[in-house]
Amino acid sequence: MQSSLISKVQKAHQYATEPERVHVESLRVRFDGDNSSHIITYADGCWSCDCEFFQGWRTCSHTMALPKLMSDMVEAPAARGFATV
């Protein structure tokens, strides 16, 4: 392996131990829920989900779960009168 590639692999390992360097600015995922799949997006600090519950409450189990799945690399949705996970 070339030395330049070796140094990139080493740097990648270093970066992987420093999650504070990563700032997610936008994200689009498909979340396979119990009843169907949903599209969840995150942009400009705001979450969106195409599930029916999100339309009325501006939060849902999908948008509450993603920050936990991503080790809090993205901002959790604002709670509206109830606790988040």
C-alpha atoms as a PDB file:
ATOM      1  CA  MET A   1       0.000   0.000   0.000  1.00  0.00           C
ATOM      2  CA  GLN A   2       1.301   3.462  -0.834  1.00  0.00           C
ATOM      3  CA  SER A   3       2.409   5.592   2.097  1.00  0.00           C
ATOM      4  CA  SER A   4      -0.023   8.371   1.130  1.00  0.00           C
ATOM      5  CA  LEU A   5      -2.946   5.936   1.370  1.00  0.00           C
ATOM      6  CA  ILE A   6      -1.658   4.572   4.680  1.00  0.00           C
ATOM      7  CA  SER A   7      -1.642   8.078   6.145  1.00  0.00           C
ATOM      8  CA  LYS A   8      -5.243   8.598   4.962  1.00  0.00           C
ATOM      9  CA  VAL A   9      -6.322   5.347   6.644  1.00  0.00           C
ATOM     10  CA  GLN A  10      -4.619   6.461   9.862  1.00  0.00           C
ATOM     11  CA  LYS A  11      -6.298   9.860   9.669  1.00  0.00           C
ATOM     12  CA  ALA A  12      -9.685   8.178   9.098  1.00  0.00           C
ATOM     13  CA  HIS A  13      -9.199   6.129  12.269  1.00  0.00           C
ATOM     14  CA  GLN A  14      -8.319   9.314  14.178  1.00  0.00           C
ATOM     15  CA  TYR A  15     -11.397  11.135  12.844  1.00  0.00           C
ATOM     16  CA  ALA A  16     -13.616   8.193  13.816  1.00  0.00           C
ATOM     17  CA  THR A  17     -12.605   8.713  17.455  1.00  0.00           C
ATOM     18  CA  GLU A  18     -13.437  12.438  17.324  1.00  0.00           C
ATOM     19  CA  PRO A  19     -17.170  12.720  16.533  1.00  0.00           C
ATOM     20  CA  GLU A  20     -17.202  16.339  17.717  1.00  0.00           C
ATOM     21  CA  ARG A  21     -15.570  17.200  14.371  1.00  0.00           C
ATOM     22  CA  VAL A  22     -18.691  16.135  12.461  1.00  0.00           C
ATOM     23  CA  HIS A  23     -21.647  18.487  12.046  1.00  0.00           C
ATOM     24  CA  VAL A  24     -24.607  17.122  10.116  1.00  0.00           C
ATOM     25  CA  GLU A  25     -26.196  19.961   8.155  1.00  0.00           C
ATOM     26  CA  SER A  26     -28.735  17.962   6.189  1.00  0.00           C
ATOM     27  CA  LEU A  27     -29.904  14.394   6.091  1.00  0.00           C
ATOM     28  CA  ARG A  28     -32.522  12.285   4.286  1.00  0.00           C
ATOM     29  CA  VAL A  29     -33.291   8.766   5.408  1.00  0.00           C
ATOM     30  CA  ARG A  30     -35.903   6.089   4.887  1.00  0.00           C
ATOM     31  CA  PHE A  31     -37.135   4.766   8.220  1.00  0.00           C
ATOM     32  CA  ASP A  32     -38.868   1.377   8.135  1.00  0.00           C
ATOM     33  CA  GLY A  33     -41.554   1.793  10.788  1.00  0.00           C
ATOM     34  CA  ASP A  34     -43.907  -0.845  12.165  1.00  0.00           C
ATOM     35  CA  ASN A  35     -46.683   0.022   9.703  1.00  0.00           C
ATOM     36  CA  SER A  36     -44.833   1.458   6.707  1.00  0.00           C
ATOM     37  CA  SER A  37     -41.687   3.244   5.604  1.00  0.00           C
ATOM     38  CA  HIS A  38     -41.301   6.979   6.128  1.00  0.00           C
ATOM     39  CA  ILE A  39     -38.979   9.636   4.753  1.00  0.00           C
ATOM     40  CA  ILE A  40     -37.316  11.724   7.439  1.00  0.00           C
ATOM     41  CA  THR A  41     -35.286  14.817   6.611  1.00  0.00           C
ATOM     42  CA  TYR A  42     -33.118  17.130   8.664  1.00  0.00           C
ATOM     43  CA  ALA A  43     -32.052  20.514   7.307  1.00  0.00           C
ATOM     44  CA  ASP A  44     -31.182  23.853   8.879  1.00  0.00           C
ATOM     45  CA  GLY A  45     -31.738  22.406  12.364  1.00  0.00           C
ATOM     46  CA  CYS A  46     -35.313  21.288  11.562  1.00  0.00           C
ATOM     47  CA  TRP A  47     -36.746  17.786  11.343  1.00  0.00           C
ATOM     48  CA  SER A  48     -39.515  16.617   9.041  1.00  0.00           C
ATOM     49  CA  CYS A  49     -41.231  13.264   8.642  1.00  0.00           C
ATOM     50  CA  ASP A  50     -43.938  12.231   6.226  1.00  0.00           C
ATOM     51  CA  CYS A  51     -45.841  10.236   8.871  1.00  0.00           C
ATOM     52  CA  GLU A  52     -49.306  11.360   9.894  1.00  0.00           C
ATOM     53  CA  PHE A  53     -48.369  11.949  13.554  1.00  0.00           C
ATOM     54  CA  PHE A  54     -45.591  14.396  12.632  1.00  0.00           C
ATOM     55  CA  GLN A  55     -48.005  16.505  10.591  1.00  0.00           C
ATOM     56  CA  GLY A  56     -50.024  17.333  13.693  1.00  0.00           C
ATOM     57  CA  TRP A  57     -47.358  17.315  16.416  1.00  0.00           C
ATOM     58  CA  ARG A  58     -44.187  18.417  14.541  1.00  0.00           C
ATOM     59  CA  THR A  59     -42.377  15.470  16.167  1.00  0.00           C
ATOM     60  CA  CYS A  60     -42.772  11.696  16.063  1.00  0.00           C
ATOM     61  CA  SER A  61     -41.140   8.467  17.156  1.00  0.00           C
ATOM     62  CA  HIS A  62     -39.050   8.436  13.961  1.00  0.00           C
ATOM     63  CA  THR A  63     -37.561  11.908  14.476  1.00  0.00           C
ATOM     64  CA  MET A  64     -37.004  11.210  18.173  1.00  0.00           C
ATOM     65  CA  ALA A  65     -35.189   7.926  17.455  1.00  0.00           C
ATOM     66  CA  LEU A  66     -32.757   9.173  14.793  1.00  0.00           C
ATOM     67  CA  PRO A  67     -30.600  11.402  17.059  1.00  0.00           C
ATOM     68  CA  LYS A  68     -30.204   8.425  19.400  1.00  0.00           C
ATOM     69  CA  LEU A  69     -29.329   6.114  16.538  1.00  0.00           C
ATOM     70  CA  MET A  70     -26.753   8.630  15.338  1.00  0.00           C
ATOM     71  CA  SER A  71     -25.180   9.041  18.790  1.00  0.00           C
ATOM     72  CA  ASP A  72     -26.600  12.563  19.071  1.00  0.00           C
ATOM     73  CA  MET A  73     -24.655  13.778  16.007  1.00  0.00           C
ATOM     74  CA  VAL A  74     -27.812  15.630  14.989  1.00  0.00           C
ATOM     75  CA  GLU A  75     -29.938  17.895  17.132  1.00  0.00           C
ATOM     76  CA  ALA A  76     -32.927  16.236  18.787  1.00  0.00           C
ATOM     77  CA  PRO A  77     -36.328  17.657  17.861  1.00  0.00           C
ATOM     78  CA  ALA A  78     -37.742  20.173  20.307  1.00  0.00           C
ATOM     79  CA  ALA A  79     -40.127  18.628  22.808  1.00  0.00           C
ATOM     80  CA  ARG A  80     -43.645  20.035  22.735  1.00  0.00           C
ATOM     81  CA  GLY A  81     -44.974  19.374  26.204  1.00  0.00           C
ATOM     82  CA  PHE A  82     -43.593  15.872  26.638  1.00  0.00           C
ATOM     83  CA  ALA A  83     -40.255  14.157  27.184  1.00  0.00           C
ATOM     84  CA  THR A  84     -38.177  12.841  24.322  1.00  0.00           C
ATOM     85  CA  VAL A  85     -36.405   9.483  24.458  1.00  0.00           C
END
